[in-house]
Amino acid sequence: MKKKLVVLIFFLVLFLLYVCNIDNIPDSIILLNNETLDIKLMRGVSIENEQIVNTSSNIENSINKLANVKICGVTIKKINITELPEIEVVPIGKLIGIRMYTKGVLVVGVNNDKDYKISDIKEGDTILSINDKEVETIQNIKEVVQKSKGNNIKIKYMRNNKEVLTSTISPVKTEDSSEYKIGLWVKEGATGVGTISFYNPESNEFAALGHGVYDKDTGYLLNIEKGEIYDSKIISISKGEYGSTGEIKGSILKNNLIGKIYKNTEFGIYGTAKNSMSEYNKVKVASRNEIQIGDAYILATLDNNEPKKYNIRIESIDKANDVNNRSMKIKVIDDELIKKTGGIICGMSGCPIIQNDKLIGVVTNVLVNNSEIGYAVFADLMIKEMAK
């Protein structure tokens, strides 16, 4: 009996391992030109191309294949594999102003006073509608709350950028005014400056920052509906020092619209350009396998709003990293850049990195205790994000 139980447990564990292995295979995969599929499969599991179908990628001349995941020849899952052509982009490195607007309004704080009778709305949720009226601005909420005269109002909101929920709140008239409140602090979007990374002249799309825009109050990635990028003028530069990252302060030139933002992701913001940015030279996008430890340079805007080359060194490469924007560790070795900024500072996120005349990545982070050291995301991750 004991032997049978051991055998049963063994087969259950084996079955669970196979289920996990198959479940970890994504439903869709994007590959750069000449990049091979690299997924660890258990014995007996295989991925076989079935047919070529119409492409769903935003990048021209890409090929979309429908593939089968099989166990011992039996198909148990289908995946879409998109193969991108060799891509050339224009590295930019220009400082830009960014304005982003959330879908609905973001909850950044909750008053826990029992008088508000808030059931389950939390910090980080996004309010989509109130009493079935779509919410676009904070003023939309204020109008409905005042008209309620204290009666329950229905709020539809989104959690984790996907789950839509409904709750009710009883507005309360505050003692120091005649206004009704619902005990929620909300905001509509975000503004700031950063660096535009590259431009694809074939699709008229741009990528910037190399990391997502997060709400500073909640720490959540902003779920945006739309946004714009503008020309920006540098006001001041504070150097990075131990314990302080430094910062480029800039003003947004609202009359100089560059493009529209259509998505905000963990690997940067993406959009379409108002006009062509092809006055700069195009370069090929390198796969991570082409990147080498050693010298490279970034394009950054610090003087006269024009990008300039500054030397860096690639210190380490995490070729298996597909989950965050710390693909490479980099070090600033340019004396002029160190003198001006101390190294990498806020506002330089998005600076393109060139090695052997190819775009290999984009600056994303800096070490707080050493501004000469930072991180960068692979260019191939940003290209794949653009293609989705």
Protein backbone atom coordinates (compact mmCIF):
# COMPACT_ATOMS: atom_id res chain seq x y z
CA MET A 1 0.00 0.00 0.00
CA LYS A 2 2.81 2.39 0.93
CA LYS A 3 4.62 1.60 -2.33
CA LYS A 4 1.49 2.38 -4.36
CA LEU A 5 1.10 5.69 -2.53
CA VAL A 6 4.70 6.65 -3.33
CA VAL A 7 4.17 5.78 -7.01
CA LEU A 8 0.95 7.81 -7.08
CA ILE A 9 2.64 10.82 -5.51
CA PHE A 10 5.51 10.52 -8.01
CA PHE A 11 3.13 10.58 -11.00
CA LEU A 12 1.11 13.45 -9.51
CA VAL A 13 4.27 15.53 -9.04
CA LEU A 14 5.41 14.65 -12.58
CA PHE A 15 2.01 15.63 -13.95
CA LEU A 16 2.16 18.94 -12.06
CA LEU A 17 5.62 19.67 -13.48
CA TYR A 18 4.35 19.12 -17.02
CA VAL A 19 1.30 21.31 -16.39
CA CYS A 20 3.53 24.12 -15.04
CA ASN A 21 5.94 23.79 -17.96
CA ILE A 22 3.14 24.10 -20.51
CA ASP A 23 1.40 26.87 -18.58
CA ASN A 24 4.64 28.91 -18.62
CA ILE A 25 4.71 28.86 -22.42
CA PRO A 26 3.13 32.21 -23.45
CA ASP A 27 0.17 32.38 -25.82
CA SER A 28 2.11 34.74 -28.10
CA ILE A 29 5.84 35.16 -28.75
CA ILE A 30 7.71 37.87 -30.69
CA LEU A 31 11.14 37.12 -32.19
CA LEU A 32 13.62 39.51 -33.77
CA ASN A 33 15.20 38.75 -37.11
CA ASN A 34 17.38 35.61 -36.81
CA GLU A 35 16.42 35.16 -33.14
CA THR A 36 15.64 31.55 -32.24
CA LEU A 37 12.92 30.32 -29.94
CA ASP A 38 14.51 29.64 -26.55
CA ILE A 39 12.04 27.97 -24.21
CA LYS A 40 13.00 25.21 -21.80
CA LEU A 41 10.76 22.23 -22.52
CA MET A 42 10.43 18.99 -20.59
CA ARG A 43 11.09 15.69 -22.30
CA GLY A 44 8.29 14.83 -24.70
CA VAL A 45 7.10 18.46 -25.07
CA SER A 46 7.71 20.14 -28.44
CA ILE A 47 6.70 23.27 -30.37
CA GLU A 48 6.01 22.78 -34.07
CA ASN A 49 5.01 25.40 -36.66
CA GLU A 50 1.64 24.67 -38.22
CA GLN A 51 1.03 27.44 -40.74
CA ILE A 52 1.72 31.08 -41.60
CA VAL A 53 -1.21 33.42 -40.97
CA ASN A 54 -1.87 37.14 -41.46
CA THR A 55 0.36 39.29 -39.30
CA SER A 56 -1.10 41.18 -36.34
CA SER A 57 2.08 43.12 -35.59
CA ASN A 58 2.37 46.90 -35.91
CA ILE A 59 5.68 46.44 -37.75
CA GLU A 60 5.60 45.96 -41.51
CA ASN A 61 6.85 42.75 -43.17
CA SER A 62 6.56 40.73 -39.98
CA ILE A 63 5.50 37.08 -40.27
CA ASN A 64 2.95 35.53 -37.98
CA LYS A 65 3.05 31.76 -37.47
CA LEU A 66 0.56 29.57 -35.69
CA ALA A 67 2.42 26.86 -33.77
CA ASN A 68 1.37 23.77 -31.83
CA VAL A 69 2.63 22.77 -28.41
CA LYS A 70 2.62 18.97 -28.31
CA ILE A 71 3.14 16.23 -25.76
CA CYS A 72 4.20 12.97 -27.35
CA GLY A 73 2.75 14.17 -30.67
CA VAL A 74 -0.61 15.30 -29.23
CA THR A 75 -1.45 19.02 -29.57
CA ILE A 76 -2.44 20.52 -26.25
CA LYS A 77 -1.93 24.26 -26.89
CA LYS A 78 -1.57 26.74 -29.77
CA ILE A 79 0.65 29.83 -29.75
CA ASN A 80 1.20 32.76 -32.09
CA ILE A 81 4.83 33.38 -33.05
CA THR A 82 5.57 36.73 -34.71
CA GLU A 83 8.92 36.98 -36.54
CA LEU A 84 10.02 40.57 -37.09
CA PRO A 85 12.17 41.62 -40.03
CA GLU A 86 15.56 43.29 -39.61
CA ILE A 87 14.64 46.64 -38.09
CA GLU A 88 16.35 50.00 -38.45
CA VAL A 89 15.46 52.89 -36.15
CA VAL A 90 16.59 56.44 -35.57
CA PRO A 91 18.24 56.94 -32.13
CA ILE A 92 17.06 60.28 -30.72
CA GLY A 93 18.24 61.07 -27.17
CA LYS A 94 16.28 64.32 -27.01
CA LEU A 95 14.74 65.71 -23.82
CA ILE A 96 10.93 65.88 -24.05
CA GLY A 97 7.99 67.02 -21.96
CA ILE A 98 5.40 64.36 -21.15
CA ARG A 99 1.71 64.76 -20.33
CA MET A 100 -0.36 61.64 -19.63
CA TYR A 101 -4.04 61.23 -18.83
CA THR A 102 -5.45 58.23 -17.01
CA LYS A 103 -8.46 56.22 -18.11
CA GLY A 104 -10.91 57.54 -15.53
CA VAL A 105 -9.28 58.98 -12.39
CA LEU A 106 -6.80 57.27 -10.11
CA VAL A 107 -7.47 56.79 -6.40
CA VAL A 108 -4.31 57.88 -4.53
CA GLY A 109 -5.71 57.87 -1.00
CA VAL A 110 -8.67 56.66 1.07
CA ASN A 111 -10.13 58.27 4.20
CA ASN A 112 -10.83 55.42 6.59
CA ASP A 113 -13.35 57.44 8.61
CA LYS A 114 -16.35 55.14 9.12
CA ASP A 115 -18.74 58.01 8.26
CA TYR A 116 -17.93 57.57 4.55
CA LYS A 117 -19.04 53.92 4.53
CA ILE A 118 -16.52 53.02 1.82
CA SER A 119 -16.78 49.29 1.33
CA ASP A 120 -13.78 48.13 -0.68
CA ILE A 121 -12.30 50.84 -2.91
CA LYS A 122 -8.53 50.90 -2.40
CA GLU A 123 -5.57 53.08 -3.18
CA GLY A 124 -4.45 52.32 -6.74
CA ASP A 125 -7.97 51.63 -8.09
CA THR A 126 -9.22 53.63 -11.08
CA ILE A 127 -12.73 55.14 -11.03
CA LEU A 128 -14.40 54.61 -14.42
CA SER A 129 -17.95 55.84 -13.80
CA ILE A 130 -20.13 57.30 -11.06
CA ASN A 131 -23.90 56.71 -11.12
CA ASP A 132 -23.38 55.24 -14.61
CA LYS A 133 -21.84 58.47 -15.90
CA GLU A 134 -18.38 58.07 -17.41
CA VAL A 135 -15.62 59.79 -15.44
CA GLU A 136 -12.94 61.71 -17.33
CA THR A 137 -11.99 64.40 -14.82
CA ILE A 138 -12.11 65.08 -11.09
CA GLN A 139 -14.78 67.70 -11.81
CA ASN A 140 -17.08 64.93 -13.12
CA ILE A 141 -16.97 63.28 -9.70
CA LYS A 142 -17.49 66.53 -7.79
CA GLU A 143 -20.64 67.37 -9.77
CA VAL A 144 -22.32 64.01 -9.12
CA VAL A 145 -21.31 63.97 -5.44
CA GLN A 146 -22.80 67.45 -4.81
CA LYS A 147 -26.04 66.56 -6.60
CA SER A 148 -26.41 63.39 -4.52
CA LYS A 149 -27.40 65.36 -1.38
CA GLY A 150 -25.95 62.53 0.68
CA ASN A 151 -27.77 59.68 -1.06
CA ASN A 152 -25.80 56.57 -2.03
CA ILE A 153 -23.87 56.78 -5.26
CA LYS A 154 -22.69 53.84 -7.36
CA ILE A 155 -19.06 53.76 -8.44
CA LYS A 156 -17.62 51.47 -11.09
CA TYR A 157 -13.87 51.08 -10.79
CA MET A 158 -10.98 49.01 -12.10
CA ARG A 159 -8.37 47.16 -10.06
CA ASN A 160 -4.94 45.99 -11.31
CA ASN A 161 -5.74 47.49 -14.72
CA LYS A 162 -8.10 44.61 -15.59
CA GLU A 163 -10.76 43.68 -13.02
CA VAL A 164 -13.89 45.89 -13.13
CA LEU A 165 -15.81 46.13 -9.83
CA THR A 166 -18.75 48.09 -8.41
CA SER A 167 -19.23 49.71 -5.01
CA THR A 168 -21.51 52.23 -3.28
CA ILE A 169 -20.53 55.23 -1.16
CA SER A 170 -22.62 57.56 1.00
CA PRO A 171 -21.37 61.15 0.57
CA VAL A 172 -20.90 63.08 3.82
CA LYS A 173 -21.32 66.85 4.30
CA THR A 174 -18.19 68.22 5.95
CA GLU A 175 -18.44 70.40 9.05
CA ASP A 176 -16.24 73.20 7.72
CA SER A 177 -18.16 73.64 4.46
CA SER A 178 -21.44 72.86 2.75
CA GLU A 179 -19.81 70.48 0.30
CA TYR A 180 -20.33 66.72 0.21
CA LYS A 181 -17.25 64.45 0.26
CA ILE A 182 -16.74 60.74 -0.42
CA GLY A 183 -13.40 60.29 1.34
CA LEU A 184 -11.31 59.55 -1.75
CA TRP A 185 -8.27 61.45 -2.99
CA VAL A 186 -7.95 61.18 -6.76
CA LYS A 187 -5.81 62.49 -9.63
CA GLU A 188 -6.16 62.61 -13.41
CA GLY A 189 -2.69 61.97 -14.82
CA ALA A 190 0.99 62.89 -14.73
CA THR A 191 3.46 65.35 -16.23
CA GLY A 192 7.25 65.44 -16.36
CA VAL A 193 10.32 65.32 -18.56
CA GLY A 194 12.32 62.41 -19.93
CA THR A 195 14.22 61.30 -23.00
CA ILE A 196 12.82 60.02 -26.27
CA SER A 197 14.76 56.87 -27.17
CA PHE A 198 14.20 56.06 -30.83
CA TYR A 199 11.89 56.48 -33.79
CA ASN A 200 10.81 53.90 -36.37
CA PRO A 201 10.40 55.72 -39.72
CA GLU A 202 8.58 52.72 -41.22
CA SER A 203 5.69 52.91 -38.76
CA ASN A 204 6.08 56.55 -37.61
CA GLU A 205 6.21 55.29 -34.00
CA PHE A 206 8.47 56.38 -31.16
CA ALA A 207 9.59 54.86 -27.87
CA ALA A 208 10.74 56.76 -24.77
CA LEU A 209 12.00 56.37 -21.17
CA GLY A 210 12.71 52.61 -21.19
CA HIS A 211 10.56 52.25 -18.07
CA GLY A 212 6.92 52.88 -17.30
CA VAL A 213 5.43 55.98 -15.71
CA TYR A 214 4.23 55.12 -12.20
CA ASP A 215 2.07 57.19 -9.90
CA LYS A 216 4.33 58.58 -7.19
CA ASP A 217 1.59 58.36 -4.53
CA THR A 218 0.50 54.75 -5.07
CA GLY A 219 3.49 53.17 -6.83
CA TYR A 220 1.20 51.68 -9.50
CA LEU A 221 1.83 51.80 -13.26
CA LEU A 222 -0.48 54.48 -14.68
CA ASN A 223 -3.29 53.02 -16.77
CA ILE A 224 -3.46 55.77 -19.38
CA GLU A 225 -6.07 56.58 -21.98
CA LYS A 226 -3.96 59.05 -23.92
CA GLY A 227 -0.98 61.37 -23.69
CA GLU A 228 1.31 63.74 -25.56
CA ILE A 229 4.99 64.53 -25.83
CA TYR A 230 6.30 68.04 -26.41
CA ASP A 231 9.57 69.82 -26.95
CA SER A 232 11.18 70.70 -23.64
CA LYS A 233 13.59 73.40 -22.52
CA ILE A 234 16.20 72.68 -19.86
CA ILE A 235 15.86 74.97 -16.84
CA SER A 236 18.56 73.51 -14.58
CA ILE A 237 20.69 70.42 -13.92
CA SER A 238 21.51 69.17 -10.44
CA LYS A 239 24.38 66.68 -10.16
CA GLY A 240 23.96 63.21 -8.78
CA GLU A 241 25.73 62.60 -5.47
CA TYR A 242 25.83 59.85 -2.85
CA GLY A 243 22.24 59.42 -1.64
CA SER A 244 20.82 61.76 -4.28
CA THR A 245 20.16 60.89 -7.94
CA GLY A 246 20.29 64.40 -9.36
CA GLU A 247 17.79 65.77 -11.84
CA ILE A 248 17.25 67.56 -15.12
CA LYS A 249 14.53 70.17 -14.63
CA GLY A 250 12.76 71.25 -17.77
CA SER A 251 9.74 73.21 -18.91
CA ILE A 252 7.20 71.74 -21.33
CA LEU A 253 6.78 73.82 -24.49
CA LYS A 254 3.04 73.24 -24.93
CA ASN A 255 2.93 74.85 -28.36
CA ASN A 256 5.49 72.38 -29.75
CA LEU A 257 3.64 69.05 -29.90
CA ILE A 258 5.87 66.17 -31.06
CA GLY A 259 3.55 63.19 -30.86
CA LYS A 260 0.73 61.27 -29.21
CA ILE A 261 1.24 58.55 -26.59
CA TYR A 262 -0.90 55.43 -26.97
CA LYS A 263 0.46 53.16 -24.23
CA ASN A 264 2.47 53.15 -21.00
CA THR A 265 4.26 49.88 -20.20
CA GLU A 266 6.97 48.56 -17.88
CA PHE A 267 9.40 48.92 -20.82
CA GLY A 268 8.61 52.53 -21.68
CA ILE A 269 5.99 54.73 -23.30
CA TYR A 270 5.05 54.41 -26.97
CA GLY A 271 3.24 56.57 -29.48
CA THR A 272 3.08 58.03 -32.95
CA ALA A 273 5.01 61.10 -34.07
CA LYS A 274 3.24 64.19 -35.39
CA ASN A 275 6.02 64.77 -37.91
CA SER A 276 8.95 62.72 -39.17
CA MET A 277 12.01 62.42 -36.92
CA SER A 278 14.16 60.95 -39.66
CA GLU A 279 16.67 63.82 -39.87
CA TYR A 280 19.06 61.68 -37.82
CA ASN A 281 20.86 58.58 -39.13
CA LYS A 282 19.23 55.17 -38.88
CA VAL A 283 20.93 52.22 -37.16
CA LYS A 284 20.07 48.55 -36.91
CA VAL A 285 18.64 47.12 -33.69
CA ALA A 286 20.97 44.56 -32.11
CA SER A 287 19.77 41.36 -30.53
CA ARG A 288 21.00 40.79 -26.98
CA ASN A 289 23.35 38.08 -28.26
CA GLU A 290 25.30 40.76 -30.17
CA ILE A 291 25.93 42.93 -27.11
CA GLN A 292 29.42 42.77 -25.64
CA ILE A 293 31.06 43.77 -22.37
CA GLY A 294 33.00 46.92 -23.17
CA ASP A 295 32.75 50.42 -24.59
CA ALA A 296 29.59 52.03 -25.94
CA TYR A 297 28.06 55.50 -25.94
CA ILE A 298 24.74 57.14 -25.11
CA LEU A 299 22.94 60.07 -26.70
CA ALA A 300 21.80 62.61 -24.12
CA THR A 301 20.53 66.20 -24.17
CA LEU A 302 22.27 68.51 -21.70
CA ASP A 303 23.24 71.58 -23.73
CA ASN A 304 21.26 73.68 -26.22
CA ASN A 305 18.54 71.00 -26.37
CA GLU A 306 20.66 68.97 -28.81
CA PRO A 307 21.67 65.32 -28.24
CA LYS A 308 25.38 64.62 -27.78
CA LYS A 309 27.49 61.45 -27.50
CA TYR A 310 28.86 60.45 -24.08
CA ASN A 311 31.03 57.39 -23.45
CA ILE A 312 29.94 54.56 -21.18
CA ARG A 313 31.00 50.98 -20.52
CA ILE A 314 28.79 47.87 -20.48
CA GLU A 315 29.72 46.17 -17.20
CA SER A 316 27.43 43.11 -17.23
CA ILE A 317 24.66 41.58 -19.36
CA ASP A 318 21.70 39.49 -18.19
CA LYS A 319 20.74 37.80 -21.47
CA ALA A 320 17.94 35.76 -19.87
CA ASN A 321 16.15 38.84 -18.51
CA ASP A 322 12.74 39.33 -20.12
CA VAL A 323 10.90 40.50 -17.02
CA ASN A 324 12.27 43.93 -16.08
CA ASN A 325 14.26 46.87 -17.41
CA ARG A 326 17.57 46.00 -15.74
CA SER A 327 19.00 44.00 -18.63
CA MET A 328 22.49 45.52 -18.50
CA LYS A 329 24.66 47.19 -15.89
CA ILE A 330 26.41 50.27 -17.27
CA LYS A 331 29.04 52.74 -16.06
CA VAL A 332 29.62 56.32 -17.19
CA ILE A 333 33.29 56.81 -18.16
CA ASP A 334 32.93 60.17 -19.93
CA ASP A 335 34.72 62.92 -17.96
CA GLU A 336 32.58 65.66 -19.47
CA LEU A 337 29.32 63.93 -18.52
CA ILE A 338 30.57 63.21 -14.98
CA LYS A 339 31.56 66.86 -14.59
CA LYS A 340 28.12 68.07 -15.75
CA THR A 341 25.81 65.58 -14.05
CA GLY A 342 27.86 63.26 -11.86
CA GLY A 343 26.78 60.44 -14.18
CA ILE A 344 23.19 59.30 -14.74
CA ILE A 345 20.43 61.53 -13.33
CA CYS A 346 16.64 61.75 -13.46
CA GLY A 347 15.55 62.88 -16.91
CA MET A 348 18.14 60.72 -18.67
CA SER A 349 15.90 57.65 -18.64
CA GLY A 350 15.43 56.77 -22.28
CA CYS A 351 18.87 57.77 -23.54
CA PRO A 352 19.70 55.34 -26.38
CA ILE A 353 22.86 53.22 -26.13
CA ILE A 354 24.91 52.53 -29.25
CA GLN A 355 27.58 49.85 -29.61
CA ASN A 356 29.25 48.81 -32.87
CA ASP A 357 26.89 51.14 -34.77
CA LYS A 358 23.79 49.34 -33.48
CA LEU A 359 21.13 50.26 -30.93
CA ILE A 360 21.61 47.84 -28.04
CA GLY A 361 19.52 49.38 -25.27
CA VAL A 362 18.17 52.35 -23.37
CA VAL A 363 19.18 53.86 -20.00
CA THR A 364 16.58 53.17 -17.28
CA ASN A 365 17.94 53.37 -13.70
CA VAL A 366 20.78 54.73 -11.60
CA LEU A 367 22.28 53.57 -8.30
CA VAL A 368 21.44 56.04 -5.52
CA ASN A 369 24.82 55.53 -3.86
CA ASN A 370 26.82 55.88 -7.09
CA SER A 371 25.46 58.02 -9.94
CA GLU A 372 28.16 56.76 -12.32
CA ILE A 373 26.56 53.28 -12.26
CA GLY A 374 23.15 52.46 -13.70
CA TYR A 375 21.04 50.00 -15.64
CA ALA A 376 19.63 49.72 -19.14
CA VAL A 377 16.94 47.70 -20.88
CA PHE A 378 17.59 45.66 -24.03
CA ALA A 379 16.53 47.38 -27.25
CA ASP A 380 14.95 44.12 -28.39
CA LEU A 381 12.52 44.20 -25.45
CA MET A 382 11.38 47.70 -26.43
CA ILE A 383 11.01 46.75 -30.09
CA LYS A 384 8.90 43.74 -29.10
CA GLU A 385 6.76 45.96 -26.88
CA MET A 386 6.28 48.34 -29.80
CA ALA A 387 5.20 45.44 -32.03
CA LYS A 388 2.42 44.30 -29.68
